Amino acid sequence: MSVLDKASPARRTPAAAREPRVTDEHGRRVRGWELALRYVLLLAVLVLTIGPFLWQLSTSLKGPTEDIYSSPPTFLPGDPTLHNYARVADTIPVWDYALNSLKVATANVVTNCAGAALAGYALARLRYRGRRAATLAFILAMLVPVEGIIIAQFTTMRDLGLNNTLIGVVLPGCIGAMNVLLMRNAFLNLPYEIEEAAFVDGANVWQRFLRIALPSVKGTLAVVAIFAFMGAWDDFLWPLIVLSDPSRFTLTIGLNYLHGTFANDERLVAAGTIIAVAPLIVLFACLQRYFFRGVGEGAVKG
């Protein structure tokens, strides 16, 4: 071997070995065509999911002189304006409806997070007779369509005197079966040794739940909160059935009135749609850090 080869070993390194390697989560190398195919599929999904929202946002910002049916369509408004949002507030009491929806959604989030956490902990960590039967009952509850029990729910609310109240809107969905099962699976991933050590130190059930188990499942709690908020905020059928006073209408019912009365004014309908979607985007933006933490939920950090 020459002195030049000893001094510069990088010259003997193949060009392919010096190229950066793209690997997947298992450490396997991803080929170029596979990576390109993944990006194409991701872009296609992005267009299908984000495209309608961007179109509604663009339509809500267009003035009355712009043609929203032009071909090819134009996404960027020529003269952006917020006048359509002001017209929505002038047409219907949209902020009162939004406040009612916020009350219902907030109550739904609190009851689902608290109730699902307690029920999931009991199903996952406590030992008692009938635990498997209770878990099976929650699984079977997910298989029952809402339309099949909505009449029974309505008669129950009527007998309780809760018709035409926001409490009647909240009560049937205050604890969801799916949320309970999500919390149960999260608590199952928590090692038993941690709770056993706390039990030896004298911690009771509530202390183990509040100080050990619950802080370890923040990601799943965020998922439950998002699902509960979305389900309550977007619910249309149940509030439409149980509410009759326009002052107690939620936002979805109010926007349906807007769409039915001013169906020809797409700008007005698009502005109302953006008003309804905006709180969901804000909630997800605030909780996304916890939302994507669910992969290692319940694991012990060294």
Foldseek 3Di string as FASTA:
>chain_A
DDPVCVVCVVVVDDPVVPDDFDADPVRHTDDPVRVVVVVVVVVVVCCVPCVVLLLLVQLLQEDPVDDCPDVVGDSHHPHGDNVLLVVLCVVAVLVLQAVLLVVLLVLLLVLALVVLLVLLCCLAPPDDPCSVVVLVVLVVVVVDDCVVCLVVLQVVCVVVVNFQHSCSLNPVNSHHSVLNVLNNVLLNLADPVVVVVVVVVPDDPVCCSPPPRVVLQLLSSLVSSLVSSVCSLQDDPNQVVRHDDVSNHHLNVSLVVVCVVPVVSSNNSSSSVCVSCVVSVVSCVVNVVSNVPPPNRNDDDD
